[in-house]
Amino acid sequence: MSKSGSKLWGGRFSETTDAFVETFTASVEFDQRLYRHDIAGSVAHAQMLKKIGVLTTDECDQICNGLAQIQTEVEQGKFDWSVGLEDVHMNIEARLTELLGDAGKKLHTGRSRNDQVATDIRLYLRDEIDSLLAELSRLQSGLLDLAEREANTLMPGFTHLQVAQPISFGHHMLAWFEMLVRDAERLEDCRKRVNVMPLGSAALAGTSYPLDREYSAELLGFERPCNNSLDGVSDRDFAIEFCAAGALIMTHLSRMAEELVLWTSAQFNFIELPDRFCTGSSIMPQKKNPDVPELVRGKSGRVNGNLIALLTLMKGQPLAYNKDNQEDKEPLFDTVDTLRGSLRAFADMIPAIQTRKENMLNAAKQGFSTATDLADYLVRKGTPFRDAHEVVGKAVQACSQKGCDLADLSLTELQHFSKVITEDVYDVLTIEGSVASRNHLGGTAPQQVLEQVKKQRQLFKRV
């Protein structure tokens, strides 16, 4: 298939575009991924033009059939993308005109590339949000499965990366799950503002043709047409909002990745990742590197950078459309691609995690993780909390000097710090007792973990 590189807007110009400028200003190398959405928008526009009498039924049918042929050519790798035709829109329109002649030239009636590209990006992003939500849901389901499986697996909880209190590993997985719940809510909310149609705004002021924009919006599945043509063609805040939501998702994945990297290290040795998600060293044969978590952790930086790029792109633009907005696509596309890959990797990897329960339990026994339980015990015996805090602090200091844990002290030794301590103190000084005692909504007790898993699965079914 051949296609002329002549400009469809060239009537006003007396000389051809400089060859470097032509390449420098073209976007077709990256915006051609919008071809399906551009064609869908054109089909809806043609049907609307038929409805208002601008196109005959035969012309509309020719255009729709021609666009279907072009989509097939693209998907079969037979479409000749031309840098000389600048972008995805002009390439498709030129090919349509080549196929149909005058009927193809009528398609652009009542629209501009300004509202066309804004519509294409919204259609594209709407589809991608739906796809990303599906991957998020898959990862969340994997976390619920892991939390249920490991509800009774005990580990140290950390603050400042120091042992703080014992928790259930399942409880830790539910903390990750809650991060993703908010991430999904942000994407769903962002989708509402994406799902508004700019088509019909034309270049910036609307058009003199009696367009039925509500009909076009209905055909394309938009909630409604945009209310203002200037705003419709010029703002990219919906893309910025998506990238902000994406940056938060990647931040959460990066935090998870950091813990996975720590937990797989010899120093922690809490979990093992399947070999298929790791790589070896070219020189050290013993190495099993957690490359997938490390790479996801690193990729969060590029998504943060894409957000800043779009914010900077938009901040200085006067109304309405400016060529600057050509720079919106690559950061947006990269964010989508990075999110999709990272979520897929985690959704595949997380359910396959194997825990090293004994190592986790032994770690939870270090660092006086039941010290708070002893303080709570003293409070229940009538000791003011601040006094209890001081008592336990002295007991911990004595254990540090002796090289033992609180549970290793004899009753006589414990009573040296407080006379209210009795034999029942050992019920709260065990790791198992400590975790089981936090049996309230949001607590780490295994029973609460299982109840939360059940509750969240029921919510999933309702969505």
Protein backbone atom coordinates (compact mmCIF):
# COMPACT_ATOMS: atom_id res chain seq x y z
CA MET A 1 0.00 0.00 0.00
CA SER A 2 1.32 3.44 -0.89
CA LYS A 3 0.23 6.80 0.40
CA SER A 4 1.09 10.38 -0.49
CA GLY A 5 2.96 12.44 2.09
CA SER A 6 1.27 15.69 1.00
CA LYS A 7 -0.16 17.80 3.82
CA LEU A 8 -3.92 17.79 4.28
CA TRP A 9 -3.63 21.33 5.66
CA GLY A 10 -1.18 22.66 3.02
CA GLY A 11 -3.41 25.12 1.17
CA ARG A 12 -2.18 28.19 3.06
CA PHE A 13 1.54 27.39 2.66
CA SER A 14 3.85 28.37 -0.20
CA GLU A 15 6.82 26.16 0.66
CA THR A 16 7.25 22.67 1.99
CA THR A 17 8.11 21.89 5.58
CA ASP A 18 11.81 21.63 6.38
CA ALA A 19 12.79 17.95 6.52
CA PHE A 20 14.17 18.22 10.05
CA VAL A 21 11.14 20.16 11.27
CA GLU A 22 8.86 17.56 9.70
CA THR A 23 10.52 14.80 11.71
CA PHE A 24 10.89 16.93 14.84
CA THR A 25 7.21 17.86 14.97
CA ALA A 26 5.77 14.48 13.96
CA SER A 27 4.15 12.29 16.60
CA VAL A 28 3.12 9.28 14.54
CA GLU A 29 5.94 7.10 15.84
CA PHE A 30 4.31 7.04 19.28
CA ASP A 31 0.69 8.13 18.81
CA GLN A 32 -0.07 5.38 16.31
CA ARG A 33 -0.99 3.23 19.30
CA LEU A 34 -4.20 5.31 19.38
CA TYR A 35 -5.33 3.92 16.04
CA ARG A 36 -8.22 1.84 17.43
CA HIS A 37 -9.58 4.75 19.41
CA ASP A 38 -9.10 7.18 16.53
CA ILE A 39 -11.04 4.86 14.25
CA ALA A 40 -13.78 4.33 16.86
CA GLY A 41 -14.15 8.10 17.25
CA SER A 42 -14.30 8.54 13.48
CA VAL A 43 -16.97 5.86 13.11
CA ALA A 44 -19.11 7.54 15.75
CA HIS A 45 -18.54 10.95 14.14
CA ALA A 46 -19.57 9.60 10.75
CA GLN A 47 -22.73 8.08 12.18
CA MET A 48 -23.57 11.36 13.86
CA LEU A 49 -22.96 13.28 10.61
CA LYS A 50 -25.37 10.91 8.88
CA LYS A 51 -27.95 11.54 11.61
CA ILE A 52 -27.84 15.32 11.07
CA GLY A 53 -27.85 15.00 7.28
CA VAL A 54 -24.26 15.94 6.46
CA LEU A 55 -23.51 12.44 5.14
CA THR A 56 -25.78 10.17 3.16
CA THR A 57 -26.33 6.61 4.33
CA ASP A 58 -24.16 5.36 1.48
CA GLU A 59 -21.33 7.79 2.34
CA CYS A 60 -21.48 6.80 6.01
CA ASP A 61 -21.36 3.12 5.10
CA GLN A 62 -18.40 3.69 2.81
CA ILE A 63 -16.54 5.57 5.54
CA CYS A 64 -17.25 2.95 8.22
CA ASN A 65 -16.22 0.11 5.90
CA GLY A 66 -13.09 2.00 4.86
CA LEU A 67 -12.14 2.59 8.49
CA ALA A 68 -12.67 -1.10 9.24
CA GLN A 69 -10.32 -1.96 6.36
CA ILE A 70 -7.72 0.45 7.69
CA GLN A 71 -7.92 -1.12 11.16
CA THR A 72 -7.36 -4.53 9.59
CA GLU A 73 -4.36 -3.21 7.65
CA VAL A 74 -2.85 -1.78 10.83
CA GLU A 75 -3.38 -4.95 12.82
CA GLN A 76 -1.92 -7.09 10.04
CA GLY A 77 1.14 -4.86 9.79
CA LYS A 78 0.27 -3.73 6.27
CA PHE A 79 -0.38 -0.05 7.01
CA ASP A 80 2.23 2.43 5.78
CA TRP A 81 2.75 4.97 8.57
CA SER A 82 4.17 8.21 7.17
CA VAL A 83 6.12 10.74 9.23
CA GLY A 84 5.21 13.24 6.51
CA LEU A 85 1.58 12.96 7.57
CA GLU A 86 2.58 13.87 11.12
CA ASP A 87 0.23 11.88 13.32
CA VAL A 88 -2.17 8.98 13.63
CA HIS A 89 -5.16 11.13 12.63
CA MET A 90 -3.74 12.41 9.34
CA ASN A 91 -2.34 9.02 8.41
CA ILE A 92 -5.72 7.35 8.80
CA GLU A 93 -7.61 10.16 7.08
CA ALA A 94 -5.18 10.19 4.14
CA ARG A 95 -5.58 6.44 3.68
CA LEU A 96 -9.36 6.76 3.92
CA THR A 97 -9.36 9.43 1.23
CA GLU A 98 -7.11 7.25 -0.90
CA LEU A 99 -9.65 4.44 -0.59
CA LEU A 100 -12.87 6.46 -0.98
CA GLY A 101 -12.06 9.75 -2.66
CA ASP A 102 -14.50 12.57 -1.85
CA ALA A 103 -16.47 10.54 0.68
CA GLY A 104 -13.31 10.19 2.77
CA LYS A 105 -12.72 13.93 2.64
CA LYS A 106 -16.13 14.60 4.21
CA LEU A 107 -15.35 12.78 7.45
CA HIS A 108 -13.55 15.73 9.03
CA THR A 109 -16.62 17.96 8.77
CA GLY A 110 -17.36 19.63 12.11
CA ARG A 111 -14.25 18.47 13.95
CA SER A 112 -10.57 19.36 14.37
CA ARG A 113 -7.52 17.38 15.28
CA ASN A 114 -7.70 19.28 18.57
CA ASP A 115 -10.95 17.67 19.71
CA GLN A 116 -10.09 14.47 17.87
CA VAL A 117 -6.88 13.82 19.80
CA ALA A 118 -8.45 14.81 23.12
CA THR A 119 -11.22 12.29 22.43
CA ASP A 120 -8.77 9.58 21.37
CA ILE A 121 -6.69 9.95 24.54
CA ARG A 122 -9.78 9.74 26.74
CA LEU A 123 -10.99 6.63 24.94
CA TYR A 124 -7.54 5.09 25.25
CA LEU A 125 -7.14 5.96 28.91
CA ARG A 126 -10.62 4.72 29.78
CA ASP A 127 -9.76 1.31 28.33
CA GLU A 128 -6.41 1.23 30.07
CA ILE A 129 -7.90 2.13 33.44
CA ASP A 130 -10.32 -0.79 33.09
CA SER A 131 -7.40 -3.09 32.26
CA LEU A 132 -5.32 -1.82 35.18
CA LEU A 133 -8.24 -2.23 37.58
CA ALA A 134 -8.46 -5.86 36.51
CA GLU A 135 -4.75 -6.38 37.27
CA LEU A 136 -5.14 -4.59 40.61
CA SER A 137 -8.04 -6.87 41.46
CA ARG A 138 -5.96 -9.93 40.56
CA LEU A 139 -3.16 -8.75 42.87
CA GLN A 140 -5.65 -8.04 45.65
CA SER A 141 -7.13 -11.52 45.31
CA GLY A 142 -3.64 -13.01 45.58
CA LEU A 143 -2.98 -11.03 48.74
CA LEU A 144 -6.24 -12.24 50.30
CA ASP A 145 -5.31 -15.84 49.50
CA LEU A 146 -1.87 -15.36 51.04
CA ALA A 147 -3.29 -13.60 54.11
CA GLU A 148 -5.72 -16.47 54.69
CA ARG A 149 -3.02 -19.08 54.24
CA GLU A 150 -0.62 -17.31 56.61
CA ALA A 151 -3.05 -15.98 59.21
CA ASN A 152 -1.32 -17.99 61.94
CA THR A 153 2.23 -17.29 60.76
CA LEU A 154 3.83 -14.98 63.32
CA MET A 155 6.54 -12.44 62.63
CA PRO A 156 7.95 -9.26 64.12
CA GLY A 157 6.24 -6.03 63.25
CA PHE A 158 8.64 -3.12 62.82
CA THR A 159 8.83 0.59 63.40
CA HIS A 160 12.02 2.37 62.38
CA LEU A 161 12.99 -1.10 61.06
CA GLN A 162 13.41 -2.12 64.71
CA VAL A 163 11.40 -4.98 66.23
CA ALA A 164 8.27 -3.44 67.71
CA GLN A 165 5.47 -5.96 68.36
CA PRO A 166 4.65 -9.43 67.07
CA ILE A 167 2.07 -9.61 64.30
CA SER A 168 0.54 -12.11 61.93
CA PHE A 169 2.10 -12.31 58.47
CA GLY A 170 -1.45 -12.46 57.15
CA HIS A 171 -2.12 -9.14 58.89
CA HIS A 172 0.87 -7.65 57.11
CA MET A 173 -0.49 -8.84 53.76
CA LEU A 174 -3.82 -7.19 54.55
CA ALA A 175 -1.97 -3.91 55.11
CA TRP A 176 -0.69 -4.18 51.54
CA PHE A 177 -4.22 -5.06 50.45
CA GLU A 178 -5.63 -1.87 52.02
CA MET A 179 -3.12 0.25 50.10
CA LEU A 180 -4.41 -1.27 46.87
CA VAL A 181 -8.04 -0.71 47.87
CA ARG A 182 -7.38 3.02 47.94
CA ASP A 183 -5.41 2.80 44.70
CA ALA A 184 -8.36 1.13 42.99
CA GLU A 185 -10.75 3.76 44.36
CA ARG A 186 -8.55 6.52 42.98
CA LEU A 187 -8.49 4.93 39.52
CA GLU A 188 -12.25 4.44 39.56
CA ASP A 189 -12.76 8.05 40.57
CA CYS A 190 -10.30 9.26 37.93
CA ARG A 191 -12.23 7.29 35.30
CA LYS A 192 -15.31 9.41 35.94
CA ARG A 193 -13.47 12.54 34.82
CA VAL A 194 -11.81 10.73 31.92
CA ASN A 195 -15.20 9.62 30.63
CA VAL A 196 -16.26 13.04 29.28
CA MET A 197 -16.27 13.64 25.50
CA PRO A 198 -14.48 16.60 23.86
CA LEU A 199 -15.57 15.64 20.32
CA GLY A 200 -17.57 18.46 18.78
CA SER A 201 -15.46 21.16 20.41
CA ALA A 202 -13.66 21.40 17.04
CA ALA A 203 -10.54 23.59 17.12
CA LEU A 204 -11.56 25.61 20.18
CA ALA A 205 -14.93 27.35 19.67
CA GLY A 206 -17.27 24.58 18.56
CA THR A 207 -18.67 24.48 15.02
CA SER A 208 -21.45 26.03 12.98
CA TYR A 209 -22.77 22.57 12.05
CA PRO A 210 -25.74 21.37 14.15
CA LEU A 211 -23.82 18.51 15.72
CA ASP A 212 -25.65 16.07 17.97
CA ARG A 213 -22.92 15.71 20.58
CA GLU A 214 -25.11 13.73 22.98
CA TYR A 215 -25.58 11.12 20.25
CA SER A 216 -21.81 10.91 19.63
CA ALA A 217 -21.21 10.56 23.36
CA GLU A 218 -23.77 7.77 23.56
CA LEU A 219 -22.17 5.91 20.65
CA LEU A 220 -18.74 6.11 22.28
CA GLY A 221 -19.90 5.23 25.79
CA PHE A 222 -19.07 8.60 27.30
CA GLU A 223 -21.03 9.83 30.30
CA ARG A 224 -21.64 13.18 28.59
CA PRO A 225 -20.07 15.72 26.21
CA CYS A 226 -17.83 18.36 27.74
CA ASN A 227 -19.57 21.65 28.55
CA ASN A 228 -16.96 24.06 27.22
CA SER A 229 -15.15 23.78 23.91
CA LEU A 230 -12.07 25.75 25.03
CA ASP A 231 -11.56 23.53 28.03
CA GLY A 232 -12.45 20.38 26.10
CA VAL A 233 -9.57 20.66 23.64
CA SER A 234 -6.90 22.15 25.86
CA ASP A 235 -6.71 20.63 29.32
CA ARG A 236 -4.97 17.38 30.15
CA ASP A 237 -5.76 17.36 33.86
CA PHE A 238 -7.43 13.97 33.48
CA ALA A 239 -4.12 12.53 32.26
CA ILE A 240 -2.25 14.27 35.09
CA GLU A 241 -4.73 12.87 37.60
CA PHE A 242 -4.22 9.40 36.20
CA CYS A 243 -0.44 9.76 36.43
CA ALA A 244 -0.80 10.94 40.04
CA ALA A 245 -2.87 7.85 40.83
CA GLY A 246 -0.27 5.78 38.99
CA ALA A 247 2.56 7.32 41.00
CA LEU A 248 0.79 6.34 44.22
CA ILE A 249 0.27 2.79 42.98
CA MET A 250 3.95 2.52 42.12
CA THR A 251 4.88 4.02 45.49
CA HIS A 252 2.88 1.30 47.20
CA LEU A 253 4.37 -1.41 45.02
CA SER A 254 7.82 0.01 45.74
CA ARG A 255 7.22 -0.22 49.49
CA MET A 256 6.10 -3.82 49.07
CA ALA A 257 9.12 -4.50 46.90
CA GLU A 258 11.47 -3.08 49.53
CA GLU A 259 10.09 -5.46 52.14
CA LEU A 260 10.29 -8.42 49.76
CA VAL A 261 13.94 -7.59 49.07
CA LEU A 262 14.67 -7.39 52.79
CA TRP A 263 12.76 -10.54 53.65
CA THR A 264 14.54 -12.63 51.02
CA SER A 265 17.97 -11.58 52.28
CA ALA A 266 20.08 -13.96 54.35
CA GLN A 267 19.87 -11.51 57.25
CA PHE A 268 16.06 -11.83 57.43
CA ASN A 269 15.36 -15.10 55.57
CA PHE A 270 11.62 -14.72 56.14
CA ILE A 271 10.38 -15.74 52.69
CA GLU A 272 11.44 -17.36 49.46
CA LEU A 273 10.39 -16.17 46.02
CA PRO A 274 9.97 -18.68 43.18
CA ASP A 275 13.01 -19.06 40.97
CA ARG A 276 11.07 -17.80 37.96
CA PHE A 277 10.92 -14.32 39.51
CA CYS A 278 14.63 -14.18 40.36
CA THR A 279 17.99 -14.21 38.57
CA GLY A 280 21.51 -15.30 39.39
CA SER A 281 24.91 -13.67 39.34
CA SER A 282 27.41 -13.95 36.50
CA ILE A 283 30.25 -14.43 39.00
CA MET A 284 28.74 -15.60 42.31
CA PRO A 285 27.06 -18.98 41.85
CA GLN A 286 25.26 -18.90 45.20
CA LYS A 287 23.25 -15.77 44.43
CA LYS A 288 19.48 -15.67 43.95
CA ASN A 289 18.61 -12.06 43.31
CA PRO A 290 15.05 -10.70 43.76
CA ASP A 291 15.19 -8.84 40.47
CA VAL A 292 11.43 -8.42 39.95
CA PRO A 293 10.85 -6.55 43.24
CA GLU A 294 14.03 -4.54 42.73
CA LEU A 295 13.00 -3.52 39.22
CA VAL A 296 9.49 -2.54 40.31
CA ARG A 297 11.05 -0.49 43.11
CA GLY A 298 13.22 1.25 40.52
CA LYS A 299 10.40 1.82 38.04
CA SER A 300 8.51 3.91 40.58
CA GLY A 301 11.00 6.69 39.81
CA ARG A 302 10.09 6.90 36.13
CA VAL A 303 6.36 7.06 36.93
CA ASN A 304 6.99 9.87 39.43
CA GLY A 305 8.98 11.60 36.70
CA ASN A 306 6.13 11.23 34.21
CA LEU A 307 3.79 12.98 36.64
CA ILE A 308 6.16 15.89 37.04
CA ALA A 309 6.63 16.06 33.26
CA LEU A 310 2.90 16.42 32.66
CA LEU A 311 2.43 18.96 35.44
CA THR A 312 5.27 21.03 33.98
CA LEU A 313 3.90 20.61 30.46
CA MET A 314 0.53 22.06 31.41
CA LYS A 315 1.43 24.79 33.88
CA GLY A 316 2.35 27.53 31.39
CA GLN A 317 -0.16 26.99 28.59
CA PRO A 318 -2.69 29.64 27.66
CA LEU A 319 -6.07 28.55 26.30
CA ALA A 320 -6.72 26.76 24.05
CA TYR A 321 -4.73 24.01 22.33
CA ASN A 322 -0.94 24.35 21.95
CA LYS A 323 1.60 22.12 20.25
CA ASP A 324 3.11 21.52 23.69
CA ASN A 325 0.34 19.01 24.24
CA GLN A 326 1.95 16.64 21.77
CA GLU A 327 4.32 15.92 24.66
CA ASP A 328 1.51 14.53 26.80
CA LYS A 329 1.42 11.11 25.17
CA GLU A 330 4.81 9.54 25.83
CA PRO A 331 4.74 10.12 29.62
CA LEU A 332 1.14 8.91 29.72
CA PHE A 333 1.86 5.83 27.61
CA ASP A 334 4.95 5.02 29.67
CA THR A 335 2.98 5.27 32.92
CA VAL A 336 0.32 2.92 31.57
CA ASP A 337 2.91 0.42 30.34
CA THR A 338 4.94 0.52 33.56
CA LEU A 339 1.87 0.10 35.74
CA ARG A 340 0.59 -2.79 33.68
CA GLY A 341 3.90 -4.65 33.79
CA SER A 342 4.50 -4.03 37.49
CA LEU A 343 1.00 -5.07 38.53
CA ARG A 344 1.15 -8.17 36.38
CA ALA A 345 4.51 -9.18 37.86
CA PHE A 346 3.25 -8.76 41.42
CA ALA A 347 -0.09 -10.45 40.73
CA ASP A 348 1.80 -13.48 39.39
CA MET A 349 4.47 -13.49 42.11
CA ILE A 350 2.69 -12.70 45.39
CA PRO A 351 0.53 -15.86 45.63
CA ALA A 352 3.64 -18.00 45.09
CA ILE A 353 5.54 -16.61 48.11
CA GLN A 354 6.72 -19.30 50.52
CA THR A 355 7.16 -18.30 54.16
CA ARG A 356 9.88 -19.50 56.50
CA LYS A 357 7.70 -19.68 59.59
CA GLU A 358 10.34 -20.74 62.11
CA ASN A 359 12.69 -17.93 61.12
CA MET A 360 9.87 -15.40 61.42
CA LEU A 361 8.87 -16.69 64.85
CA ASN A 362 12.45 -16.66 66.13
CA ALA A 363 12.87 -13.10 64.89
CA ALA A 364 9.67 -12.07 66.68
CA LYS A 365 11.16 -13.40 69.92
CA GLN A 366 14.07 -10.99 69.62
CA GLY A 367 14.03 -7.30 70.43
CA PHE A 368 11.59 -7.58 73.38
CA SER A 369 8.56 -7.53 71.09
CA THR A 370 6.18 -8.32 73.98
CA ALA A 371 7.30 -5.34 76.09
CA THR A 372 4.11 -3.44 75.30
CA ASP A 373 2.08 -6.48 76.35
CA LEU A 374 3.81 -6.42 79.74
CA ALA A 375 3.01 -2.70 80.10
CA ASP A 376 -0.63 -3.35 79.23
CA TYR A 377 -0.67 -6.18 81.77
CA LEU A 378 0.54 -3.83 84.52
CA VAL A 379 -2.11 -1.26 83.56
CA ARG A 380 -4.82 -3.91 83.88
CA LYS A 381 -3.41 -4.60 87.36
CA GLY A 382 -3.95 -0.95 88.30
CA THR A 383 -0.57 0.59 87.46
CA PRO A 384 -0.78 4.00 85.67
CA PHE A 385 0.46 3.61 82.10
CA ARG A 386 3.44 5.95 82.43
CA ASP A 387 4.58 4.10 85.55
CA ALA A 388 4.08 0.80 83.74
CA HIS A 389 6.13 2.12 80.83
CA GLU A 390 9.01 2.94 83.17
CA VAL A 391 8.80 -0.44 84.91
CA VAL A 392 8.98 -2.34 81.64
CA GLY A 393 11.82 -0.13 80.42
CA LYS A 394 13.87 -1.11 83.48
CA ALA A 395 13.02 -4.78 82.94
CA VAL A 396 14.16 -4.55 79.31
CA GLN A 397 17.40 -2.90 80.41
CA ALA A 398 18.04 -5.74 82.83
CA CYS A 399 17.34 -8.32 80.12
CA SER A 400 19.74 -6.56 77.76
CA GLN A 401 22.48 -6.78 80.32
CA LYS A 402 21.65 -10.41 81.07
CA GLY A 403 21.29 -11.37 77.39
CA CYS A 404 17.78 -12.83 77.67
CA ASP A 405 14.17 -12.02 76.76
CA LEU A 406 11.41 -10.88 79.11
CA ALA A 407 9.78 -14.30 78.98
CA ASP A 408 13.06 -15.83 80.22
CA LEU A 409 12.92 -13.92 83.54
CA SER A 410 11.69 -15.83 86.54
CA LEU A 411 8.59 -14.66 88.40
CA THR A 412 10.81 -13.51 91.26
CA GLU A 413 12.93 -11.47 88.89
CA LEU A 414 9.84 -9.89 87.32
CA GLN A 415 8.38 -9.09 90.74
CA HIS A 416 11.55 -7.21 91.51
CA PHE A 417 10.29 -4.58 89.05
CA SER A 418 6.63 -4.66 90.18
CA LYS A 419 4.91 -6.48 93.02
CA VAL A 420 1.60 -6.68 91.09
CA ILE A 421 3.06 -9.23 88.70
CA THR A 422 1.78 -12.77 89.21
CA GLU A 423 2.14 -16.15 87.47
CA ASP A 424 -0.41 -15.19 84.78
CA VAL A 425 2.10 -12.72 83.34
CA TYR A 426 3.59 -15.47 81.19
CA ASP A 427 0.33 -15.67 79.21
CA VAL A 428 1.05 -12.22 77.76
CA LEU A 429 4.79 -12.66 77.35
CA THR A 430 4.44 -15.36 74.69
CA ILE A 431 4.44 -14.33 71.04
CA GLU A 432 1.28 -16.34 70.40
CA GLY A 433 -0.55 -14.78 73.34
CA SER A 434 0.48 -11.29 72.33
CA VAL A 435 -0.84 -11.65 68.80
CA ALA A 436 -4.05 -13.42 69.84
CA SER A 437 -4.86 -10.70 72.38
CA ARG A 438 -5.28 -8.06 69.67
CA ASN A 439 -8.63 -9.47 68.69
CA HIS A 440 -10.54 -6.38 67.58
CA LEU A 441 -11.41 -4.73 64.26
CA GLY A 442 -8.15 -3.89 62.54
CA GLY A 443 -6.11 -5.96 64.97
CA THR A 444 -3.50 -8.57 64.15
CA ALA A 445 -5.12 -11.59 65.83
CA PRO A 446 -5.43 -14.53 63.42
CA GLN A 447 -9.19 -14.60 63.97
CA GLN A 448 -9.41 -10.96 62.85
CA VAL A 449 -7.24 -11.67 59.80
CA LEU A 450 -9.58 -14.46 58.70
CA GLU A 451 -12.65 -12.30 59.30
CA GLN A 452 -11.16 -9.47 57.23
CA VAL A 453 -10.33 -11.86 54.39
CA LYS A 454 -13.92 -13.12 54.40
CA LYS A 455 -15.31 -9.57 54.48
CA GLN A 456 -13.12 -8.36 51.62
CA ARG A 457 -13.98 -11.33 49.45
CA GLN A 458 -17.65 -10.53 49.90
CA LEU A 459 -16.99 -6.93 48.84
CA PHE A 460 -15.16 -8.21 45.75
CA LYS A 461 -18.20 -10.23 44.76
CA ARG A 462 -20.43 -7.15 44.93
CA VAL A 463 -18.18 -5.05 42.69
